[in-house]
Amino acid sequence: MPPKSSTPPAATRPPTPPATPDELEYGLPPVIDRHTRVLVLGSFPGAASLAARQYYAHPRNQFWPLMGALLGEPLPDLPYVERLNRMLFHRVGLWDVLGACVRPGSLDADIRHPQANDFERLRALAPSLRRVGFNGGTSGKFAPQFAAAGYETVVLPSSSPAHAARSFAQKLELWRALLSQSRP
């Protein structure tokens, strides 16, 4: 007979109470305009990004090198505001699927009480949007909703340093699908 556990089975445990507003962390605003044709959606900014108030601020995150290689721009070497301007020049926007959540640290597996961003306003903000790329599997769970709304979707391998199963070259080859046939 197995030892008795003091933890009740999941079905009988009381539900987790909702997060209070002071427990929630809030993400970053969208980087899009009316000319945006391609949108990259991450899950939620990591601790370094939240502290810096910048997308993909962790120095080992490969997002900026990947986008720089795709766009033919020296994005990692540019000041943050100029990176965003160069992305928009190429009609590529940036946002996250989650606008708020509770997450100690930066791992997507630790996200609790997720609250999706308001994508209803996306058509008004970016009427030229055609393709949405999802940076990793967590954000990729939203791909069917975007496909149902009429957008082309592509789920990409995560640029996070926590996902080192693929080399930069392997990720870059897969990330090329982000701009294929949608290049302005």
N, C-alpha and C. Protein backbone atom coordinates (compact mmCIF):
# COMPACT_ATOMS: atom_id res chain seq x y z
N MET A 1 0.84 -1.17 0.00
CA MET A 1 0.00 0.00 0.00
C MET A 1 0.89 1.24 0.00
N PRO A 2 0.61 2.22 -0.93
CA PRO A 2 1.45 3.42 -0.99
C PRO A 2 1.30 4.27 0.25
N PRO A 3 2.35 5.01 0.62
CA PRO A 3 2.25 5.88 1.80
C PRO A 3 1.21 6.96 1.56
N LYS A 4 0.58 7.36 2.66
CA LYS A 4 -0.43 8.40 2.58
C LYS A 4 0.24 9.75 2.39
N SER A 5 -0.35 10.56 1.52
CA SER A 5 0.17 11.89 1.25
C SER A 5 -0.70 12.90 1.95
N SER A 6 -0.09 13.97 2.42
CA SER A 6 -0.87 15.01 3.07
C SER A 6 -1.44 15.99 2.04
N THR A 7 -1.01 15.86 0.76
CA THR A 7 -1.51 16.73 -0.29
C THR A 7 -2.71 16.06 -0.96
N PRO A 8 -3.87 16.73 -0.98
CA PRO A 8 -5.03 16.11 -1.62
C PRO A 8 -4.82 16.02 -3.13
N PRO A 9 -5.49 15.07 -3.78
CA PRO A 9 -5.39 14.97 -5.24
C PRO A 9 -5.82 16.28 -5.87
N ALA A 10 -5.32 16.53 -7.10
CA ALA A 10 -5.60 17.79 -7.79
C ALA A 10 -7.08 18.07 -7.91
N ALA A 11 -7.88 17.05 -8.11
CA ALA A 11 -9.32 17.26 -8.31
C ALA A 11 -10.00 17.78 -7.04
N THR A 12 -9.41 17.51 -5.87
CA THR A 12 -10.06 17.94 -4.64
C THR A 12 -9.40 19.16 -4.01
N ARG A 13 -8.26 19.61 -4.59
CA ARG A 13 -7.60 20.80 -4.06
C ARG A 13 -8.44 22.04 -4.36
N PRO A 14 -8.44 23.00 -3.46
CA PRO A 14 -9.16 24.24 -3.76
C PRO A 14 -8.48 24.96 -4.92
N PRO A 15 -9.25 25.66 -5.74
CA PRO A 15 -8.65 26.37 -6.87
C PRO A 15 -7.71 27.46 -6.40
N THR A 16 -6.71 27.75 -7.23
CA THR A 16 -5.77 28.82 -6.92
C THR A 16 -6.50 30.14 -7.02
N PRO A 17 -6.40 30.97 -5.99
CA PRO A 17 -7.09 32.26 -6.06
C PRO A 17 -6.50 33.12 -7.16
N PRO A 18 -7.30 33.98 -7.75
CA PRO A 18 -6.77 34.85 -8.80
C PRO A 18 -5.72 35.80 -8.23
N ALA A 19 -4.82 36.21 -9.10
CA ALA A 19 -3.77 37.13 -8.68
C ALA A 19 -4.38 38.51 -8.43
N THR A 20 -3.84 39.19 -7.46
CA THR A 20 -4.28 40.56 -7.22
C THR A 20 -3.46 41.48 -8.11
N PRO A 21 -3.99 42.66 -8.43
CA PRO A 21 -3.25 43.56 -9.33
C PRO A 21 -1.83 43.86 -8.88
N ASP A 22 -1.58 43.90 -7.57
CA ASP A 22 -0.22 44.21 -7.13
C ASP A 22 0.72 43.01 -7.26
N GLU A 23 0.19 41.81 -7.50
CA GLU A 23 1.03 40.64 -7.74
C GLU A 23 1.41 40.49 -9.22
N LEU A 24 0.59 41.05 -10.09
CA LEU A 24 0.81 40.91 -11.51
C LEU A 24 1.99 41.75 -11.99
N GLU A 25 2.72 41.21 -12.93
CA GLU A 25 3.73 41.97 -13.66
C GLU A 25 3.10 42.32 -15.00
N TYR A 26 3.36 43.51 -15.49
CA TYR A 26 2.78 43.95 -16.75
C TYR A 26 3.87 44.04 -17.81
N GLY A 27 3.52 43.64 -19.02
CA GLY A 27 4.47 43.59 -20.12
C GLY A 27 4.74 44.95 -20.74
N LEU A 28 5.23 44.90 -21.95
CA LEU A 28 5.65 46.09 -22.68
C LEU A 28 4.61 46.44 -23.75
N PRO A 29 4.56 47.70 -24.16
CA PRO A 29 3.59 48.09 -25.20
C PRO A 29 3.98 47.51 -26.56
N PRO A 30 3.02 47.40 -27.46
CA PRO A 30 3.35 46.89 -28.79
C PRO A 30 4.23 47.86 -29.57
N VAL A 31 5.06 47.29 -30.41
CA VAL A 31 5.88 48.08 -31.33
C VAL A 31 5.32 47.77 -32.72
N ILE A 32 4.31 48.51 -33.13
CA ILE A 32 3.66 48.30 -34.42
C ILE A 32 3.17 49.65 -34.94
N ASP A 33 2.92 49.69 -36.23
CA ASP A 33 2.27 50.86 -36.81
C ASP A 33 1.40 50.39 -37.97
N ARG A 34 0.79 51.32 -38.66
CA ARG A 34 -0.17 50.95 -39.70
C ARG A 34 0.48 50.27 -40.90
N HIS A 35 1.82 50.33 -41.01
CA HIS A 35 2.54 49.69 -42.12
C HIS A 35 3.04 48.29 -41.78
N THR A 36 2.91 47.88 -40.53
CA THR A 36 3.43 46.58 -40.08
C THR A 36 2.74 45.46 -40.86
N ARG A 37 3.58 44.61 -41.48
CA ARG A 37 3.06 43.47 -42.24
C ARG A 37 3.34 42.15 -41.52
N VAL A 38 4.38 42.13 -40.69
CA VAL A 38 4.78 40.93 -39.97
C VAL A 38 4.90 41.31 -38.49
N LEU A 39 4.36 40.47 -37.63
CA LEU A 39 4.42 40.71 -36.18
C LEU A 39 5.05 39.52 -35.51
N VAL A 40 6.05 39.77 -34.66
CA VAL A 40 6.66 38.73 -33.85
C VAL A 40 6.06 38.83 -32.45
N LEU A 41 5.49 37.73 -32.00
CA LEU A 41 4.90 37.68 -30.65
C LEU A 41 5.71 36.75 -29.77
N GLY A 42 6.22 37.29 -28.68
CA GLY A 42 6.85 36.46 -27.66
C GLY A 42 5.79 36.04 -26.66
N SER A 43 6.21 35.43 -25.58
CA SER A 43 5.26 35.03 -24.54
C SER A 43 5.04 36.19 -23.57
N PHE A 44 6.07 36.55 -22.83
CA PHE A 44 6.04 37.63 -21.85
C PHE A 44 7.48 38.01 -21.59
N PRO A 45 7.79 39.31 -21.39
CA PRO A 45 9.19 39.70 -21.18
C PRO A 45 9.80 39.02 -19.95
N GLY A 46 11.05 38.63 -20.10
CA GLY A 46 11.78 38.06 -18.98
C GLY A 46 12.19 39.14 -17.99
N ALA A 47 12.81 38.72 -16.90
CA ALA A 47 13.18 39.65 -15.82
C ALA A 47 14.09 40.77 -16.33
N ALA A 48 15.08 40.44 -17.17
CA ALA A 48 16.00 41.47 -17.68
C ALA A 48 15.26 42.47 -18.56
N SER A 49 14.33 41.98 -19.36
CA SER A 49 13.56 42.87 -20.24
C SER A 49 12.63 43.77 -19.45
N LEU A 50 12.00 43.22 -18.43
CA LEU A 50 11.12 44.04 -17.60
C LEU A 50 11.92 45.11 -16.86
N ALA A 51 13.09 44.74 -16.35
CA ALA A 51 13.92 45.71 -15.63
C ALA A 51 14.40 46.83 -16.56
N ALA A 52 14.75 46.47 -17.79
CA ALA A 52 15.25 47.46 -18.75
C ALA A 52 14.12 48.15 -19.51
N ARG A 53 12.90 47.59 -19.42
CA ARG A 53 11.75 48.08 -20.21
C ARG A 53 12.08 48.01 -21.70
N GLN A 54 12.71 46.90 -22.10
CA GLN A 54 13.10 46.67 -23.48
C GLN A 54 12.84 45.22 -23.85
N TYR A 55 12.31 45.01 -25.04
CA TYR A 55 12.15 43.64 -25.53
C TYR A 55 13.51 42.97 -25.70
N TYR A 56 13.59 41.74 -25.27
CA TYR A 56 14.76 40.89 -25.47
C TYR A 56 16.06 41.54 -24.98
N ALA A 57 16.04 42.01 -23.74
CA ALA A 57 17.19 42.70 -23.16
C ALA A 57 18.25 41.76 -22.61
N HIS A 58 17.92 40.49 -22.38
CA HIS A 58 18.92 39.56 -21.85
C HIS A 58 20.05 39.44 -22.88
N PRO A 59 21.30 39.63 -22.45
CA PRO A 59 22.41 39.65 -23.41
C PRO A 59 22.60 38.33 -24.17
N ARG A 60 22.14 37.21 -23.65
CA ARG A 60 22.30 35.93 -24.35
C ARG A 60 21.08 35.56 -25.19
N ASN A 61 20.02 36.35 -25.14
CA ASN A 61 18.87 36.07 -25.99
C ASN A 61 19.29 36.34 -27.44
N GLN A 62 18.93 35.45 -28.34
CA GLN A 62 19.36 35.54 -29.73
C GLN A 62 18.38 36.31 -30.62
N PHE A 63 17.36 36.93 -30.05
CA PHE A 63 16.37 37.62 -30.87
C PHE A 63 17.00 38.69 -31.77
N TRP A 64 17.76 39.62 -31.20
CA TRP A 64 18.30 40.72 -31.99
C TRP A 64 19.29 40.23 -33.04
N PRO A 65 20.19 39.28 -32.74
CA PRO A 65 21.04 38.74 -33.81
C PRO A 65 20.23 38.03 -34.91
N LEU A 66 19.19 37.29 -34.53
CA LEU A 66 18.36 36.62 -35.53
C LEU A 66 17.67 37.64 -36.44
N MET A 67 17.02 38.64 -35.83
CA MET A 67 16.32 39.64 -36.64
C MET A 67 17.30 40.46 -37.46
N GLY A 68 18.46 40.76 -36.91
CA GLY A 68 19.47 41.50 -37.66
C GLY A 68 19.90 40.73 -38.91
N ALA A 69 20.12 39.43 -38.76
CA ALA A 69 20.51 38.60 -39.90
C ALA A 69 19.38 38.54 -40.93
N LEU A 70 18.14 38.41 -40.48
CA LEU A 70 17.00 38.34 -41.40
C LEU A 70 16.79 39.64 -42.17
N LEU A 71 16.98 40.76 -41.48
CA LEU A 71 16.69 42.06 -42.08
C LEU A 71 17.91 42.71 -42.73
N GLY A 72 19.09 42.10 -42.55
CA GLY A 72 20.30 42.69 -43.09
C GLY A 72 20.67 43.99 -42.39
N GLU A 73 20.44 44.04 -41.11
CA GLU A 73 20.70 45.24 -40.29
C GLU A 73 21.57 44.86 -39.09
N PRO A 74 22.44 45.76 -38.63
CA PRO A 74 23.27 45.48 -37.45
C PRO A 74 22.51 45.72 -36.14
N LEU A 75 21.35 45.11 -35.99
CA LEU A 75 20.47 45.40 -34.85
C LEU A 75 21.15 45.25 -33.49
N PRO A 76 21.94 44.19 -33.27
CA PRO A 76 22.54 44.07 -31.93
C PRO A 76 23.46 45.22 -31.56
N ASP A 77 24.00 45.91 -32.57
CA ASP A 77 24.95 46.99 -32.32
C ASP A 77 24.28 48.36 -32.17
N LEU A 78 23.00 48.43 -32.42
CA LEU A 78 22.30 49.72 -32.39
C LEU A 78 21.68 49.99 -31.03
N PRO A 79 21.49 51.26 -30.69
CA PRO A 79 20.73 51.58 -29.48
C PRO A 79 19.31 51.02 -29.62
N TYR A 80 18.69 50.72 -28.50
CA TYR A 80 17.39 50.05 -28.50
C TYR A 80 16.35 50.77 -29.35
N VAL A 81 16.21 52.08 -29.20
CA VAL A 81 15.20 52.82 -29.95
C VAL A 81 15.45 52.70 -31.45
N GLU A 82 16.70 52.71 -31.85
CA GLU A 82 17.02 52.57 -33.27
C GLU A 82 16.71 51.15 -33.76
N ARG A 83 16.91 50.14 -32.92
CA ARG A 83 16.52 48.77 -33.29
C ARG A 83 15.04 48.73 -33.64
N LEU A 84 14.24 49.33 -32.76
CA LEU A 84 12.79 49.33 -32.99
C LEU A 84 12.45 50.08 -34.27
N ASN A 85 13.10 51.21 -34.50
CA ASN A 85 12.85 51.98 -35.72
C ASN A 85 13.22 51.18 -36.97
N ARG A 86 14.32 50.46 -36.92
CA ARG A 86 14.75 49.66 -38.07
C ARG A 86 13.76 48.51 -38.31
N MET A 87 13.27 47.91 -37.25
CA MET A 87 12.25 46.86 -37.41
C MET A 87 11.02 47.43 -38.11
N LEU A 88 10.54 48.56 -37.62
CA LEU A 88 9.34 49.16 -38.21
C LEU A 88 9.61 49.59 -39.66
N PHE A 89 10.81 50.06 -39.96
CA PHE A 89 11.17 50.41 -41.33
C PHE A 89 10.98 49.20 -42.25
N HIS A 90 11.31 48.02 -41.74
CA HIS A 90 11.16 46.77 -42.51
C HIS A 90 9.76 46.18 -42.37
N ARG A 91 8.87 46.94 -41.74
CA ARG A 91 7.46 46.55 -41.56
C ARG A 91 7.29 45.32 -40.67
N VAL A 92 8.17 45.22 -39.70
CA VAL A 92 8.12 44.12 -38.73
C VAL A 92 7.84 44.72 -37.36
N GLY A 93 6.83 44.20 -36.68
CA GLY A 93 6.46 44.67 -35.36
C GLY A 93 6.80 43.66 -34.28
N LEU A 94 6.56 44.06 -33.05
CA LEU A 94 6.97 43.27 -31.90
C LEU A 94 5.96 43.44 -30.77
N TRP A 95 5.60 42.33 -30.14
CA TRP A 95 4.68 42.38 -29.00
C TRP A 95 4.77 41.03 -28.30
N ASP A 96 3.92 40.81 -27.31
CA ASP A 96 3.82 39.54 -26.61
C ASP A 96 2.38 39.08 -26.57
N VAL A 97 2.17 37.78 -26.43
CA VAL A 97 0.81 37.27 -26.33
C VAL A 97 0.20 37.62 -24.97
N LEU A 98 1.03 37.72 -23.95
CA LEU A 98 0.53 38.05 -22.62
C LEU A 98 0.82 39.50 -22.27
N GLY A 99 -0.18 40.15 -21.71
CA GLY A 99 -0.01 41.52 -21.26
C GLY A 99 0.32 41.61 -19.79
N ALA A 100 -0.02 40.54 -19.05
CA ALA A 100 0.25 40.52 -17.61
C ALA A 100 0.25 39.07 -17.15
N CYS A 101 0.97 38.82 -16.07
CA CYS A 101 0.98 37.50 -15.45
C CYS A 101 1.77 37.60 -14.14
N VAL A 102 1.80 36.50 -13.43
CA VAL A 102 2.68 36.34 -12.27
C VAL A 102 3.75 35.36 -12.73
N ARG A 103 5.01 35.76 -12.62
CA ARG A 103 6.09 34.85 -13.01
C ARG A 103 7.35 35.19 -12.23
N PRO A 104 7.72 34.35 -11.28
CA PRO A 104 9.01 34.56 -10.64
C PRO A 104 10.11 34.13 -11.60
N GLY A 105 11.03 35.01 -11.91
CA GLY A 105 12.09 34.68 -12.86
C GLY A 105 11.65 34.90 -14.30
N SER A 106 12.23 34.11 -15.20
CA SER A 106 12.01 34.34 -16.63
C SER A 106 11.53 33.12 -17.40
N LEU A 107 11.36 31.99 -16.74
CA LEU A 107 10.95 30.78 -17.46
C LEU A 107 9.45 30.79 -17.74
N ASP A 108 9.10 30.46 -18.98
CA ASP A 108 7.68 30.39 -19.35
C ASP A 108 6.93 29.35 -18.53
N ALA A 109 7.63 28.30 -18.13
CA ALA A 109 6.99 27.25 -17.34
C ALA A 109 6.49 27.77 -15.99
N ASP A 110 7.04 28.90 -15.53
CA ASP A 110 6.64 29.47 -14.24
C ASP A 110 5.54 30.50 -14.34
N ILE A 111 4.99 30.73 -15.53
CA ILE A 111 3.92 31.72 -15.70
C ILE A 111 2.65 31.24 -14.99
N ARG A 112 2.09 32.13 -14.19
CA ARG A 112 0.83 31.86 -13.49
C ARG A 112 -0.11 33.04 -13.74
N HIS A 113 -1.38 32.80 -13.72
CA HIS A 113 -2.40 33.84 -13.90
C HIS A 113 -2.17 34.65 -15.18
N PRO A 114 -1.99 33.97 -16.32
CA PRO A 114 -1.74 34.71 -17.56
C PRO A 114 -2.95 35.52 -18.01
N GLN A 115 -2.69 36.69 -18.53
CA GLN A 115 -3.74 37.55 -19.08
C GLN A 115 -3.29 37.97 -20.47
N ALA A 116 -4.04 37.56 -21.48
CA ALA A 116 -3.67 37.84 -22.87
C ALA A 116 -3.78 39.33 -23.18
N ASN A 117 -2.97 39.76 -24.11
CA ASN A 117 -3.07 41.13 -24.60
C ASN A 117 -4.38 41.28 -25.38
N ASP A 118 -4.80 42.50 -25.56
CA ASP A 118 -6.03 42.80 -26.29
C ASP A 118 -5.75 42.83 -27.78
N PHE A 119 -5.94 41.68 -28.43
CA PHE A 119 -5.66 41.59 -29.86
C PHE A 119 -6.83 42.05 -30.72
N GLU A 120 -7.94 42.40 -30.11
CA GLU A 120 -9.07 42.93 -30.87
C GLU A 120 -8.68 44.24 -31.56
N ARG A 121 -7.80 44.99 -30.95
CA ARG A 121 -7.40 46.28 -31.52
C ARG A 121 -6.29 46.16 -32.56
N LEU A 122 -5.83 44.95 -32.82
CA LEU A 122 -4.72 44.75 -33.73
C LEU A 122 -5.05 45.19 -35.16
N ARG A 123 -6.24 44.89 -35.64
CA ARG A 123 -6.60 45.28 -37.02
C ARG A 123 -6.61 46.80 -37.20
N ALA A 124 -7.00 47.51 -36.15
CA ALA A 124 -7.00 48.97 -36.23
C ALA A 124 -5.58 49.53 -36.15
N LEU A 125 -4.74 48.95 -35.30
CA LEU A 125 -3.37 49.43 -35.13
C LEU A 125 -2.46 49.06 -36.29
N ALA A 126 -2.70 47.89 -36.88
CA ALA A 126 -1.83 47.37 -37.95
C ALA A 126 -2.69 46.79 -39.06
N PRO A 127 -3.37 47.63 -39.82
CA PRO A 127 -4.28 47.11 -40.85
C PRO A 127 -3.58 46.36 -41.98
N SER A 128 -2.26 46.54 -42.14
CA SER A 128 -1.50 45.84 -43.19
C SER A 128 -0.95 44.50 -42.72
N LEU A 129 -1.19 44.14 -41.48
CA LEU A 129 -0.62 42.91 -40.91
C LEU A 129 -1.10 41.68 -41.69
N ARG A 130 -0.14 40.83 -42.06
CA ARG A 130 -0.45 39.61 -42.80
C ARG A 130 0.02 38.35 -42.09
N ARG A 131 1.20 38.44 -41.47
CA ARG A 131 1.81 37.24 -40.90
C ARG A 131 2.19 37.49 -39.45
N VAL A 132 1.96 36.47 -38.62
CA VAL A 132 2.33 36.53 -37.21
C VAL A 132 3.26 35.37 -36.92
N GLY A 133 4.44 35.71 -36.41
CA GLY A 133 5.41 34.70 -36.00
C GLY A 133 5.44 34.62 -34.49
N PHE A 134 5.50 33.42 -33.98
CA PHE A 134 5.47 33.18 -32.54
C PHE A 134 6.84 32.71 -32.09
N ASN A 135 7.45 33.48 -31.19
CA ASN A 135 8.79 33.20 -30.70
C ASN A 135 8.72 32.15 -29.60
N GLY A 136 8.66 30.89 -30.00
CA GLY A 136 8.65 29.78 -29.05
C GLY A 136 7.28 29.14 -28.89
N GLY A 137 7.29 28.01 -28.21
CA GLY A 137 6.08 27.20 -28.05
C GLY A 137 5.01 27.81 -27.17
N THR A 138 5.39 28.56 -26.15
CA THR A 138 4.38 29.16 -25.27
C THR A 138 3.54 30.15 -26.04
N SER A 139 4.17 31.06 -26.76
CA SER A 139 3.39 32.01 -27.56
C SER A 139 2.72 31.29 -28.73
N GLY A 140 3.36 30.23 -29.22
CA GLY A 140 2.81 29.47 -30.35
C GLY A 140 1.48 28.82 -30.06
N LYS A 141 1.12 28.68 -28.79
CA LYS A 141 -0.20 28.13 -28.45
C LYS A 141 -1.33 29.03 -28.94
N PHE A 142 -1.01 30.29 -29.24
CA PHE A 142 -2.01 31.25 -29.73
C PHE A 142 -2.14 31.21 -31.25
N ALA A 143 -1.28 30.48 -31.94
CA ALA A 143 -1.28 30.46 -33.41
C ALA A 143 -2.63 30.09 -34.00
N PRO A 144 -3.33 29.07 -33.49
CA PRO A 144 -4.63 28.74 -34.09
C PRO A 144 -5.63 29.90 -34.04
N GLN A 145 -5.62 30.68 -32.98
CA GLN A 145 -6.53 31.83 -32.89
C GLN A 145 -6.23 32.87 -33.96
N PHE A 146 -4.95 33.10 -34.21
CA PHE A 146 -4.56 34.08 -35.22
C PHE A 146 -4.83 33.55 -36.62
N ALA A 147 -4.62 32.26 -36.82
CA ALA A 147 -4.93 31.65 -38.12
C ALA A 147 -6.43 31.75 -38.39
N ALA A 148 -7.24 31.50 -37.38
CA ALA A 148 -8.69 31.60 -37.53
C ALA A 148 -9.14 33.02 -37.84
N ALA A 149 -8.34 34.00 -37.43
CA ALA A 149 -8.65 35.41 -37.71
C ALA A 149 -8.16 35.83 -39.09
N GLY A 150 -7.53 34.90 -39.83
CA GLY A 150 -7.12 35.18 -41.19
C GLY A 150 -5.66 35.54 -41.38
N TYR A 151 -4.85 35.44 -40.35
CA TYR A 151 -3.43 35.75 -40.47
C TYR A 151 -2.64 34.49 -40.85
N GLU A 152 -1.55 34.67 -41.61
CA GLU A 152 -0.59 33.59 -41.80
C GLU A 152 0.15 33.45 -40.47
N THR A 153 0.45 32.24 -40.06
CA THR A 153 1.16 32.05 -38.79
C THR A 153 2.35 31.12 -38.98
N VAL A 154 3.36 31.35 -38.17
CA VAL A 154 4.53 30.48 -38.14
C VAL A 154 5.04 30.44 -36.70
N VAL A 155 5.21 29.23 -36.18
CA VAL A 155 5.77 29.06 -34.83
C VAL A 155 7.26 28.81 -34.99
N LEU A 156 8.05 29.65 -34.35
CA LEU A 156 9.50 29.64 -34.49
C LEU A 156 10.16 29.07 -33.24
N PRO A 157 11.38 28.53 -33.38
CA PRO A 157 12.08 28.10 -32.17
C PRO A 157 12.41 29.32 -31.31
N SER A 158 12.32 29.15 -30.03
CA SER A 158 12.55 30.25 -29.10
C SER A 158 13.95 30.81 -29.22
N SER A 159 14.04 32.14 -29.14
CA SER A 159 15.35 32.81 -29.15
C SER A 159 15.96 32.87 -27.76
N SER A 160 15.25 32.38 -26.77
CA SER A 160 15.69 32.44 -25.37
C SER A 160 16.96 31.63 -25.13
N PRO A 161 17.82 32.12 -24.22
CA PRO A 161 19.01 31.34 -23.88
C PRO A 161 18.65 30.03 -23.16
N ALA A 162 17.44 29.93 -22.65
CA ALA A 162 17.02 28.69 -21.99
C ALA A 162 16.76 27.57 -23.00
N HIS A 163 16.66 27.91 -24.27
CA HIS A 163 16.38 26.92 -25.32
C HIS A 163 17.58 26.81 -26.24
N ALA A 164 18.55 26.02 -25.80
CA ALA A 164 19.81 25.89 -26.53
C ALA A 164 19.90 24.58 -27.31
N ALA A 165 18.76 23.94 -27.59
CA ALA A 165 18.77 22.67 -28.31
C ALA A 165 19.23 22.84 -29.76
N ARG A 166 19.05 24.04 -30.31
CA ARG A 166 19.47 24.32 -31.69
C ARG A 166 20.56 25.38 -31.70
N SER A 167 21.44 25.28 -32.68
CA SER A 167 22.48 26.30 -32.84
C SER A 167 21.85 27.56 -33.42
N PHE A 168 22.61 28.65 -33.40
CA PHE A 168 22.13 29.90 -33.99
C PHE A 168 21.81 29.67 -35.47
N ALA A 169 22.69 28.99 -36.20
CA ALA A 169 22.49 28.76 -37.63
C ALA A 169 21.20 27.95 -37.87
N GLN A 170 20.94 26.95 -37.04
CA GLN A 170 19.71 26.17 -37.19
C GLN A 170 18.48 27.02 -36.91
N LYS A 171 18.54 27.85 -35.87
CA LYS A 171 17.42 28.73 -35.57
C LYS A 171 17.20 29.71 -36.72
N LEU A 172 18.29 30.30 -37.22
CA LEU A 172 18.17 31.28 -38.29
C LEU A 172 17.49 30.67 -39.51
N GLU A 173 17.86 29.46 -39.86
CA GLU A 173 17.24 28.82 -41.02
C GLU A 173 15.72 28.67 -40.81
N LEU A 174 15.30 28.31 -39.62
CA LEU A 174 13.88 28.18 -39.33
C LEU A 174 13.19 29.54 -39.24
N TRP A 175 13.91 30.54 -38.73
CA TRP A 175 13.34 31.88 -38.62
C TRP A 175 13.14 32.53 -39.99
N ARG A 176 13.81 32.05 -41.02
CA ARG A 176 13.63 32.61 -42.36
C ARG A 176 12.16 32.52 -42.80
N ALA A 177 11.42 31.56 -42.28
CA ALA A 177 10.00 31.40 -42.61
C ALA A 177 9.19 32.61 -42.17
N LEU A 178 9.71 33.38 -41.23
CA LEU A 178 9.00 34.57 -40.75
C LEU A 178 8.78 35.57 -41.88
N LEU A 179 9.78 35.72 -42.74
CA LEU A 179 9.70 36.73 -43.79
C LEU A 179 9.44 36.17 -45.18
N SER A 180 9.43 34.86 -45.33
CA SER A 180 9.22 34.29 -46.66
C SER A 180 7.85 34.69 -47.20
N GLN A 181 7.83 35.18 -48.40
CA GLN A 181 6.63 35.61 -49.13
C GLN A 181 5.87 36.73 -48.45
N SER A 182 6.38 37.26 -47.36
CA SER A 182 5.72 38.40 -46.72
C SER A 182 6.63 39.61 -46.71
N ARG A 183 7.79 39.46 -47.30
CA ARG A 183 8.75 40.57 -47.32
C ARG A 183 8.11 41.75 -48.07
N PRO A 184 8.07 42.93 -47.47
CA PRO A 184 7.45 44.09 -48.14
C PRO A 184 8.17 44.46 -49.42
